[in-house]
């Protein structure tokens, strides 16, 4: 059964289709530098790092020290890991598989 997002819209589909056309890290840098602000890119990268550290069972204080993320951000990401759409888990699993190759 396909996942049905509560955010599903045609313009978001088109955004995701655009992301899926990116072929390498250079494409990603070029696209995200154009579509996001520097702060947005940093925030997204920070969230992924927080999710990774939470999945490694690091404590909130360790994560706060490493990433400089607020405890509110860490808590929000933890809720996503526990109750969310499994997006973080899917990506983290794939990154781990790539790392292990």
PDB file of N, CA and C in Angstrom:
ATOM      1  N   UNK A   1       0.840  -1.185   0.000  1.00  0.00           N
ATOM      2  CA  UNK A   1       0.000   0.000   0.000  1.00  0.00           C
ATOM      3  C   UNK A   1       0.881   1.242   0.000  1.00  0.00           C
ATOM      4  N   UNK A   2       0.582   2.180  -0.856  1.00  0.00           N
ATOM      5  CA  UNK A   2       1.373   3.402  -0.980  1.00  0.00           C
ATOM      6  C   UNK A   2       1.080   4.343   0.188  1.00  0.00           C
ATOM      7  N   UNK A   3       2.089   5.095   0.569  1.00  0.00           N
ATOM      8  CA  UNK A   3       1.962   6.059   1.652  1.00  0.00           C
ATOM      9  C   UNK A   3       1.169   7.269   1.168  1.00  0.00           C
ATOM     10  N   UNK A   4       0.203   7.689   1.935  1.00  0.00           N
ATOM     11  CA  UNK A   4      -0.598   8.880   1.611  1.00  0.00           C
ATOM     12  C   UNK A   4      -0.286   9.986   2.605  1.00  0.00           C
ATOM     13  N   UNK A   5       0.463  10.973   2.178  1.00  0.00           N
ATOM     14  CA  UNK A   5       0.844  12.085   3.048  1.00  0.00           C
ATOM     15  C   UNK A   5      -0.321  13.051   3.241  1.00  0.00           C
ATOM     16  N   UNK A   6      -0.397  13.596   4.439  1.00  0.00           N
ATOM     17  CA  UNK A   6      -1.416  14.615   4.704  1.00  0.00           C
ATOM     18  C   UNK A   6      -1.057  15.948   4.041  1.00  0.00           C
ATOM     19  N   UNK A   7       0.168  16.060   3.527  1.00  0.00           N
ATOM     20  CA  UNK A   7       0.621  17.283   2.861  1.00  0.00           C
ATOM     21  C   UNK A   7       0.534  17.190   1.337  1.00  0.00           C
ATOM     22  N   UNK A   8       0.051  16.084   0.820  1.00  0.00           N
ATOM     23  CA  UNK A   8       0.076  15.839  -0.626  1.00  0.00           C
ATOM     24  C   UNK A   8      -0.644  16.928  -1.405  1.00  0.00           C
ATOM     25  N   UNK A   9       0.083  17.515  -2.359  1.00  0.00           N
ATOM     26  CA  UNK A   9      -0.452  18.517  -3.289  1.00  0.00           C
ATOM     27  C   UNK A   9       0.357  18.424  -4.567  1.00  0.00           C
ATOM     28  N   UNK A  10      -0.215  18.922  -5.646  1.00  0.00           N
ATOM     29  CA  UNK A  10       0.462  18.857  -6.945  1.00  0.00           C
ATOM     30  C   UNK A  10       1.797  19.601  -6.941  1.00  0.00           C
ATOM     31  N   UNK A  11       1.845  20.783  -6.300  1.00  0.00           N
ATOM     32  CA  UNK A  11       3.096  21.545  -6.314  1.00  0.00           C
ATOM     33  C   UNK A  11       4.180  20.853  -5.494  1.00  0.00           C
ATOM     34  N   UNK A  12       3.784  20.171  -4.433  1.00  0.00           N
ATOM     35  CA  UNK A  12       4.764  19.427  -3.638  1.00  0.00           C
ATOM     36  C   UNK A  12       5.227  18.198  -4.407  1.00  0.00           C
ATOM     37  N   UNK A  13       4.299  17.541  -5.108  1.00  0.00           N
ATOM     38  CA  UNK A  13       4.694  16.426  -5.980  1.00  0.00           C
ATOM     39  C   UNK A  13       5.751  16.884  -6.979  1.00  0.00           C
ATOM     40  N   UNK A  14       5.544  18.056  -7.565  1.00  0.00           N
ATOM     41  CA  UNK A  14       6.495  18.565  -8.554  1.00  0.00           C
ATOM     42  C   UNK A  14       7.854  18.863  -7.916  1.00  0.00           C
ATOM     43  N   UNK A  15       7.838  19.404  -6.703  1.00  0.00           N
ATOM     44  CA  UNK A  15       9.091  19.642  -5.984  1.00  0.00           C
ATOM     45  C   UNK A  15       9.835  18.324  -5.777  1.00  0.00           C
ATOM     46  N   UNK A  16       9.131  17.299  -5.298  1.00  0.00           N
ATOM     47  CA  UNK A  16       9.766  16.014  -5.042  1.00  0.00           C
ATOM     48  C   UNK A  16      10.236  15.358  -6.338  1.00  0.00           C
ATOM     49  N   UNK A  17       9.469  15.521  -7.404  1.00  0.00           N
ATOM     50  CA  UNK A  17       9.911  15.019  -8.710  1.00  0.00           C
ATOM     51  C   UNK A  17      11.217  15.702  -9.122  1.00  0.00           C
ATOM     52  N   UNK A  18      11.316  17.001  -8.851  1.00  0.00           N
ATOM     53  CA  UNK A  18      12.549  17.735  -9.166  1.00  0.00           C
ATOM     54  C   UNK A  18      13.716  17.184  -8.352  1.00  0.00           C
ATOM     55  N   UNK A  19      13.498  16.939  -7.061  1.00  0.00           N
ATOM     56  CA  UNK A  19      14.564  16.390  -6.215  1.00  0.00           C
ATOM     57  C   UNK A  19      15.005  15.027  -6.739  1.00  0.00           C
ATOM     58  N   UNK A  20      14.062  14.230  -7.187  1.00  0.00           N
ATOM     59  CA  UNK A  20      14.395  12.901  -7.697  1.00  0.00           C
ATOM     60  C   UNK A  20      15.200  12.938  -8.999  1.00  0.00           C
ATOM     61  N   UNK A  21      15.247  14.087  -9.672  1.00  0.00           N
ATOM     62  CA  UNK A  21      16.065  14.196 -10.883  1.00  0.00           C
ATOM     63  C   UNK A  21      17.531  14.483 -10.566  1.00  0.00           C
ATOM     64  N   UNK A  22      17.842  14.849  -9.334  1.00  0.00           N
ATOM     65  CA  UNK A  22      19.216  15.180  -8.967  1.00  0.00           C
ATOM     66  C   UNK A  22      20.075  13.931  -9.066  1.00  0.00           C
ATOM     67  N   UNK A  23      21.217  14.064  -9.741  1.00  0.00           N
ATOM     68  CA  UNK A  23      22.029  12.890 -10.052  1.00  0.00           C
ATOM     69  C   UNK A  23      23.237  12.707  -9.149  1.00  0.00           C
ATOM     70  N   UNK A  24      23.724  13.783  -8.553  1.00  0.00           N
ATOM     71  CA  UNK A  24      24.913  13.660  -7.719  1.00  0.00           C
ATOM     72  C   UNK A  24      24.952  14.805  -6.715  1.00  0.00           C
ATOM     73  N   UNK A  25      25.977  14.794  -5.871  1.00  0.00           N
ATOM     74  CA  UNK A  25      26.095  15.799  -4.815  1.00  0.00           C
ATOM     75  C   UNK A  25      26.201  17.210  -5.407  1.00  0.00           C
ATOM     76  N   UNK A  26      26.900  17.359  -6.528  1.00  0.00           N
ATOM     77  CA  UNK A  26      27.001  18.686  -7.144  1.00  0.00           C
ATOM     78  C   UNK A  26      25.621  19.196  -7.549  1.00  0.00           C
ATOM     79  N   UNK A  27      24.808  18.331  -8.171  1.00  0.00           N
ATOM     80  CA  UNK A  27      23.432  18.711  -8.509  1.00  0.00           C
ATOM     81  C   UNK A  27      22.683  19.170  -7.262  1.00  0.00           C
ATOM     82  N   UNK A  28      22.860  18.435  -6.176  1.00  0.00           N
ATOM     83  CA  UNK A  28      22.172  18.780  -4.921  1.00  0.00           C
ATOM     84  C   UNK A  28      22.612  20.153  -4.421  1.00  0.00           C
ATOM     85  N   UNK A  29      23.915  20.387  -4.384  1.00  0.00           N
ATOM     86  CA  UNK A  29      24.401  21.698  -3.942  1.00  0.00           C
ATOM     87  C   UNK A  29      23.823  22.817  -4.812  1.00  0.00           C
ATOM     88  N   UNK A  30      23.878  22.631  -6.112  1.00  0.00           N
ATOM     89  CA  UNK A  30      23.395  23.671  -7.020  1.00  0.00           C
ATOM     90  C   UNK A  30      21.899  23.926  -6.825  1.00  0.00           C
ATOM     91  N   UNK A  31      21.107  22.862  -6.747  1.00  0.00           N
ATOM     92  CA  UNK A  31      19.661  23.003  -6.611  1.00  0.00           C
ATOM     93  C   UNK A  31      19.287  23.600  -5.254  1.00  0.00           C
ATOM     94  N   UNK A  32      19.838  23.039  -4.184  1.00  0.00           N
ATOM     95  CA  UNK A  32      19.457  23.514  -2.856  1.00  0.00           C
ATOM     96  C   UNK A  32      19.981  24.917  -2.569  1.00  0.00           C
ATOM     97  N   UNK A  33      21.121  25.292  -3.131  1.00  0.00           N
ATOM     98  CA  UNK A  33      21.589  26.676  -2.980  1.00  0.00           C
ATOM     99  C   UNK A  33      20.637  27.647  -3.653  1.00  0.00           C
ATOM    100  N   UNK A  34      19.995  27.224  -4.742  1.00  0.00           N
ATOM    101  CA  UNK A  34      19.040  28.089  -5.439  1.00  0.00           C
ATOM    102  C   UNK A  34      17.675  28.105  -4.757  1.00  0.00           C
ATOM    103  N   UNK A  35      17.246  26.977  -4.230  1.00  0.00           N
ATOM    104  CA  UNK A  35      15.868  26.867  -3.738  1.00  0.00           C
ATOM    105  C   UNK A  35      15.729  27.198  -2.245  1.00  0.00           C
ATOM    106  N   UNK A  36      16.825  27.082  -1.498  1.00  0.00           N
ATOM    107  CA  UNK A  36      16.787  27.322  -0.051  1.00  0.00           C
ATOM    108  C   UNK A  36      17.734  28.453   0.333  1.00  0.00           C
ATOM    109  N   UNK A  37      17.461  29.033   1.489  1.00  0.00           N
ATOM    110  CA  UNK A  37      18.434  29.965   2.059  1.00  0.00           C
ATOM    111  C   UNK A  37      19.529  29.137   2.729  1.00  0.00           C
ATOM    112  N   UNK A  38      20.635  29.772   3.028  1.00  0.00           N
ATOM    113  CA  UNK A  38      21.728  29.096   3.725  1.00  0.00           C
ATOM    114  C   UNK A  38      21.222  28.565   5.068  1.00  0.00           C
ATOM    115  N   UNK A  39      20.440  29.376   5.778  1.00  0.00           N
ATOM    116  CA  UNK A  39      19.927  28.954   7.079  1.00  0.00           C
ATOM    117  C   UNK A  39      18.998  27.751   6.959  1.00  0.00           C
ATOM    118  N   UNK A  40      18.196  27.688   5.900  1.00  0.00           N
ATOM    119  CA  UNK A  40      17.313  26.540   5.698  1.00  0.00           C
ATOM    120  C   UNK A  40      18.114  25.267   5.450  1.00  0.00           C
ATOM    121  N   UNK A  41      19.163  25.369   4.647  1.00  0.00           N
ATOM    122  CA  UNK A  41      20.014  24.205   4.380  1.00  0.00           C
ATOM    123  C   UNK A  41      20.674  23.733   5.677  1.00  0.00           C
ATOM    124  N   UNK A  42      21.192  24.687   6.465  1.00  0.00           N
ATOM    125  CA  UNK A  42      21.821  24.327   7.738  1.00  0.00           C
ATOM    126  C   UNK A  42      20.811  23.677   8.689  1.00  0.00           C
ATOM    127  N   UNK A  43      19.595  24.206   8.730  1.00  0.00           N
ATOM    128  CA  UNK A  43      18.565  23.657   9.618  1.00  0.00           C
ATOM    129  C   UNK A  43      18.186  22.233   9.220  1.00  0.00           C
ATOM    130  N   UNK A  44      18.038  21.995   7.930  1.00  0.00           N
ATOM    131  CA  UNK A  44      17.694  20.652   7.450  1.00  0.00           C
ATOM    132  C   UNK A  44      18.834  19.677   7.762  1.00  0.00           C
ATOM    133  N   UNK A  45      20.062  20.106   7.512  1.00  0.00           N
ATOM    134  CA  UNK A  45      21.224  19.250   7.792  1.00  0.00           C
ATOM    135  C   UNK A  45      21.314  18.957   9.296  1.00  0.00           C
ATOM    136  N   UNK A  46      21.049  19.969  10.111  1.00  0.00           N
ATOM    137  CA  UNK A  46      21.080  19.786  11.566  1.00  0.00           C
ATOM    138  C   UNK A  46      20.028  18.776  12.009  1.00  0.00           C
ATOM    139  N   UNK A  47      18.827  18.867  11.453  1.00  0.00           N
ATOM    140  CA  UNK A  47      17.762  17.918  11.810  1.00  0.00           C
ATOM    141  C   UNK A  47      18.156  16.488  11.479  1.00  0.00           C
ATOM    142  N   UNK A  48      18.776  16.295  10.326  1.00  0.00           N
ATOM    143  CA  UNK A  48      19.207  14.951   9.957  1.00  0.00           C
ATOM    144  C   UNK A  48      20.272  14.439  10.931  1.00  0.00           C
ATOM    145  N   UNK A  49      21.202  15.313  11.319  1.00  0.00           N
ATOM    146  CA  UNK A  49      22.234  14.911  12.278  1.00  0.00           C
ATOM    147  C   UNK A  49      21.616  14.557  13.624  1.00  0.00           C
ATOM    148  N   UNK A  50      20.636  15.345  14.060  1.00  0.00           N
ATOM    149  CA  UNK A  50      19.942  15.049  15.324  1.00  0.00           C
ATOM    150  C   UNK A  50      19.263  13.685  15.234  1.00  0.00           C
ATOM    151  N   UNK A  51      18.570  13.418  14.138  1.00  0.00           N
ATOM    152  CA  UNK A  51      17.906  12.124  13.957  1.00  0.00           C
ATOM    153  C   UNK A  51      18.925  10.986  13.997  1.00  0.00           C
ATOM    154  N   UNK A  52      20.046  11.184  13.346  1.00  0.00           N
ATOM    155  CA  UNK A  52      21.100  10.163  13.322  1.00  0.00           C
ATOM    156  C   UNK A  52      21.605   9.890  14.738  1.00  0.00           C
ATOM    157  N   UNK A  53      21.862  10.951  15.490  1.00  0.00           N
ATOM    158  CA  UNK A  53      22.379  10.792  16.855  1.00  0.00           C
ATOM    159  C   UNK A  53      21.329  10.174  17.776  1.00  0.00           C
ATOM    160  N   UNK A  54      20.066  10.556  17.599  1.00  0.00           N
ATOM    161  CA  UNK A  54      18.999   9.934  18.392  1.00  0.00           C
ATOM    162  C   UNK A  54      18.925   8.432  18.090  1.00  0.00           C
ATOM    163  N   UNK A  55      19.067   8.079  16.819  1.00  0.00           N
ATOM    164  CA  UNK A  55      19.013   6.662  16.444  1.00  0.00           C
ATOM    165  C   UNK A  55      20.211   5.895  17.001  1.00  0.00           C
ATOM    166  N   UNK A  56      21.284   6.629  17.306  1.00  0.00           N
ATOM    167  CA  UNK A  56      22.467   6.011  17.927  1.00  0.00           C
ATOM    168  C   UNK A  56      22.367   6.028  19.452  1.00  0.00           C
ATOM    169  N   UNK A  57      21.188   6.421  19.962  1.00  0.00           N
ATOM    170  CA  UNK A  57      20.896   6.425  21.408  1.00  0.00           C
ATOM    171  C   UNK A  57      21.711   7.443  22.194  1.00  0.00           C
ATOM    172  N   UNK A  58      22.128   8.530  21.538  1.00  0.00           N
ATOM    173  CA  UNK A  58      22.813   9.602  22.255  1.00  0.00           C
ATOM    174  C   UNK A  58      21.785  10.337  23.119  1.00  0.00           C
ATOM    175  N   UNK A  59      22.261  10.939  24.199  1.00  0.00           N
ATOM    176  CA  UNK A  59      21.369  11.698  25.079  1.00  0.00           C
ATOM    177  C   UNK A  59      21.099  13.079  24.493  1.00  0.00           C
ATOM    178  N   UNK A  60      20.027  13.707  24.981  1.00  0.00           N
ATOM    179  CA  UNK A  60      19.708  15.059  24.519  1.00  0.00           C
ATOM    180  C   UNK A  60      20.887  15.994  24.750  1.00  0.00           C
ATOM    181  N   UNK A  61      21.545  15.889  25.934  1.00  0.00           N
ATOM    182  CA  UNK A  61      22.666  16.802  26.193  1.00  0.00           C
ATOM    183  C   UNK A  61      23.829  16.561  25.249  1.00  0.00           C
ATOM    184  N   UNK A  62      24.101  15.304  24.937  1.00  0.00           N
ATOM    185  CA  UNK A  62      25.168  15.006  23.972  1.00  0.00           C
ATOM    186  C   UNK A  62      24.812  15.588  22.604  1.00  0.00           C
ATOM    187  N   UNK A  63      23.569  15.406  22.201  1.00  0.00           N
ATOM    188  CA  UNK A  63      23.135  15.889  20.887  1.00  0.00           C
ATOM    189  C   UNK A  63      23.172  17.415  20.844  1.00  0.00           C
ATOM    190  N   UNK A  64      22.721  18.044  21.918  1.00  0.00           N
ATOM    191  CA  UNK A  64      22.740  19.506  22.004  1.00  0.00           C
ATOM    192  C   UNK A  64      24.170  20.029  21.877  1.00  0.00           C
ATOM    193  N   UNK A  65      25.100  19.360  22.555  1.00  0.00           N
ATOM    194  CA  UNK A  65      26.501  19.771  22.507  1.00  0.00           C
ATOM    195  C   UNK A  65      27.099  19.582  21.110  1.00  0.00           C
ATOM    196  N   UNK A  66      26.806  18.460  20.480  1.00  0.00           N
ATOM    197  CA  UNK A  66      27.380  18.139  19.167  1.00  0.00           C
ATOM    198  C   UNK A  66      26.786  19.011  18.064  1.00  0.00           C
ATOM    199  N   UNK A  67      25.446  19.172  18.070  1.00  0.00           N
ATOM    200  CA  UNK A  67      24.770  19.822  16.944  1.00  0.00           C
ATOM    201  C   UNK A  67      24.389  21.277  17.199  1.00  0.00           C
ATOM    202  N   UNK A  68      24.388  21.677  18.465  1.00  0.00           N
ATOM    203  CA  UNK A  68      23.921  23.021  18.872  1.00  0.00           C
ATOM    204  C   UNK A  68      22.422  23.190  18.661  1.00  0.00           C
ATOM    205  N   UNK A  69      21.703  22.083  18.466  1.00  0.00           N
ATOM    206  CA  UNK A  69      20.242  22.130  18.319  1.00  0.00           C
ATOM    207  C   UNK A  69      19.622  22.345  19.692  1.00  0.00           C
ATOM    208  N   UNK A  70      18.497  23.027  19.725  1.00  0.00           N
ATOM    209  CA  UNK A  70      17.786  23.232  20.982  1.00  0.00           C
ATOM    210  C   UNK A  70      17.134  21.931  21.429  1.00  0.00           C
ATOM    211  N   UNK A  71      16.840  21.844  22.711  1.00  0.00           N
ATOM    212  CA  UNK A  71      16.155  20.645  23.203  1.00  0.00           C
ATOM    213  C   UNK A  71      14.763  20.539  22.586  1.00  0.00           C
ATOM    214  N   UNK A  72      14.138  21.667  22.256  1.00  0.00           N
ATOM    215  CA  UNK A  72      12.824  21.636  21.586  1.00  0.00           C
ATOM    216  C   UNK A  72      12.947  20.981  20.209  1.00  0.00           C
ATOM    217  N   UNK A  73      13.989  21.326  19.471  1.00  0.00           N
ATOM    218  CA  UNK A  73      14.219  20.720  18.155  1.00  0.00           C
ATOM    219  C   UNK A  73      14.503  19.231  18.302  1.00  0.00           C
ATOM    220  N   UNK A  74      15.339  18.884  19.255  1.00  0.00           N
ATOM    221  CA  UNK A  74      15.670  17.476  19.479  1.00  0.00           C
ATOM    222  C   UNK A  74      14.405  16.694  19.831  1.00  0.00           C
ATOM    223  N   UNK A  75      13.593  17.262  20.686  1.00  0.00           N
ATOM    224  CA  UNK A  75      12.348  16.611  21.090  1.00  0.00           C
ATOM    225  C   UNK A  75      11.398  16.430  19.911  1.00  0.00           C
ATOM    226  N   UNK A  76      11.277  17.457  19.076  1.00  0.00           N
ATOM    227  CA  UNK A  76      10.398  17.383  17.901  1.00  0.00           C
ATOM    228  C   UNK A  76      10.868  16.276  16.951  1.00  0.00           C
ATOM    229  N   UNK A  77      12.173  16.181  16.754  1.00  0.00           N
ATOM    230  CA  UNK A  77      12.713  15.152  15.860  1.00  0.00           C
ATOM    231  C   UNK A  77      12.534  13.768  16.479  1.00  0.00           C
ATOM    232  N   UNK A  78      12.683  13.683  17.785  1.00  0.00           N
ATOM    233  CA  UNK A  78      12.456  12.403  18.458  1.00  0.00           C
ATOM    234  C   UNK A  78      11.002  11.951  18.269  1.00  0.00           C
ATOM    235  N   UNK A  79      10.070  12.884  18.344  1.00  0.00           N
ATOM    236  CA  UNK A  79       8.654  12.550  18.111  1.00  0.00           C
ATOM    237  C   UNK A  79       8.459  12.043  16.687  1.00  0.00           C
ATOM    238  N   UNK A  80       9.150  12.651  15.734  1.00  0.00           N
ATOM    239  CA  UNK A  80       9.072  12.179  14.345  1.00  0.00           C
ATOM    240  C   UNK A  80       9.611  10.762  14.223  1.00  0.00           C
ATOM    241  N   UNK A  81      10.698  10.481  14.914  1.00  0.00           N
ATOM    242  CA  UNK A  81      11.278   9.138  14.865  1.00  0.00           C
ATOM    243  C   UNK A  81      10.331   8.100  15.460  1.00  0.00           C
ATOM    244  N   UNK A  82       9.613   8.498  16.505  1.00  0.00           N
ATOM    245  CA  UNK A  82       8.732   7.554  17.194  1.00  0.00           C
ATOM    246  C   UNK A  82       7.355   7.470  16.539  1.00  0.00           C
ATOM    247  N   UNK A  83       6.794   8.633  16.178  1.00  0.00           N
ATOM    248  CA  UNK A  83       5.402   8.668  15.720  1.00  0.00           C
ATOM    249  C   UNK A  83       5.231   9.144  14.284  1.00  0.00           C
ATOM    250  N   UNK A  84       6.323   9.450  13.596  1.00  0.00           N
ATOM    251  CA  UNK A  84       6.233  10.072  12.279  1.00  0.00           C
ATOM    252  C   UNK A  84       5.987   9.093  11.144  1.00  0.00           C
ATOM    253  N   UNK A  85       6.317   9.540   9.961  1.00  0.00           N
ATOM    254  CA  UNK A  85       6.039   8.802   8.721  1.00  0.00           C
ATOM    255  C   UNK A  85       7.176   7.855   8.332  1.00  0.00           C
ATOM    256  N   UNK A  86       8.136   7.644   9.218  1.00  0.00           N
ATOM    257  CA  UNK A  86       9.295   6.776   8.995  1.00  0.00           C
ATOM    258  C   UNK A  86      10.281   7.321   7.966  1.00  0.00           C
ATOM    259  N   UNK A  87      10.174   8.585   7.636  1.00  0.00           N
ATOM    260  CA  UNK A  87      11.086   9.183   6.663  1.00  0.00           C
ATOM    261  C   UNK A  87      12.527   9.191   7.135  1.00  0.00           C
ATOM    262  N   UNK A  88      12.735   9.631   8.383  1.00  0.00           N
ATOM    263  CA  UNK A  88      14.099   9.628   8.914  1.00  0.00           C
ATOM    264  C   UNK A  88      14.670   8.217   8.930  1.00  0.00           C
ATOM    265  N   UNK A  89      13.884   7.249   9.442  1.00  0.00           N
ATOM    266  CA  UNK A  89      14.391   5.884   9.554  1.00  0.00           C
ATOM    267  C   UNK A  89      14.776   5.317   8.193  1.00  0.00           C
ATOM    268  N   UNK A  90      13.951   5.574   7.190  1.00  0.00           N
ATOM    269  CA  UNK A  90      14.234   5.050   5.854  1.00  0.00           C
ATOM    270  C   UNK A  90      15.544   5.623   5.306  1.00  0.00           C
ATOM    271  N   UNK A  91      15.720   6.928   5.462  1.00  0.00           N
ATOM    272  CA  UNK A  91      16.931   7.580   4.961  1.00  0.00           C
ATOM    273  C   UNK A  91      18.158   7.148   5.761  1.00  0.00           C
ATOM    274  N   UNK A  92      18.034   7.112   7.076  1.00  0.00           N
ATOM    275  CA  UNK A  92      19.172   6.714   7.903  1.00  0.00           C
ATOM    276  C   UNK A  92      19.588   5.274   7.612  1.00  0.00           C
ATOM    277  N   UNK A  93      18.625   4.402   7.396  1.00  0.00           N
ATOM    278  CA  UNK A  93      18.931   3.008   7.049  1.00  0.00           C
ATOM    279  C   UNK A  93      19.699   2.944   5.733  1.00  0.00           C
ATOM    280  N   UNK A  94      19.248   3.709   4.739  1.00  0.00           N
ATOM    281  CA  UNK A  94      19.922   3.702   3.436  1.00  0.00           C
ATOM    282  C   UNK A  94      21.321   4.290   3.517  1.00  0.00           C
ATOM    283  N   UNK A  95      21.483   5.355   4.307  1.00  0.00           N
ATOM    284  CA  UNK A  95      22.806   5.947   4.480  1.00  0.00           C
ATOM    285  C   UNK A  95      23.747   4.956   5.165  1.00  0.00           C
ATOM    286  N   UNK A  96      23.236   4.242   6.164  1.00  0.00           N
ATOM    287  CA  UNK A  96      24.039   3.235   6.861  1.00  0.00           C
ATOM    288  C   UNK A  96      24.459   2.120   5.910  1.00  0.00           C
ATOM    289  N   UNK A  97      23.519   1.688   5.056  1.00  0.00           N
ATOM    290  CA  UNK A  97      23.828   0.637   4.073  1.00  0.00           C
ATOM    291  C   UNK A  97      24.915   1.118   3.115  1.00  0.00           C
ATOM    292  N   UNK A  98      24.834   2.372   2.664  1.00  0.00           N
ATOM    293  CA  UNK A  98      25.874   2.920   1.781  1.00  0.00           C
ATOM    294  C   UNK A  98      27.216   2.964   2.489  1.00  0.00           C
ATOM    295  N   UNK A  99      27.186   3.368   3.757  1.00  0.00           N
ATOM    296  CA  UNK A  99      28.400   3.481   4.556  1.00  0.00           C
ATOM    297  C   UNK A  99      29.066   2.115   4.728  1.00  0.00           C
ATOM    298  N   UNK A 100      28.256   1.083   4.874  1.00  0.00           N
ATOM    299  CA  UNK A 100      28.767  -0.268   5.095  1.00  0.00           C
ATOM    300  C   UNK A 100      29.331  -0.921   3.842  1.00  0.00           C
ATOM    301  N   UNK A 101      29.076  -0.350   2.677  1.00  0.00           N
ATOM    302  CA  UNK A 101      29.550  -0.948   1.417  1.00  0.00           C
ATOM    303  C   UNK A 101      31.016  -0.655   1.187  1.00  0.00           C
TER     304      UNK A 101
END
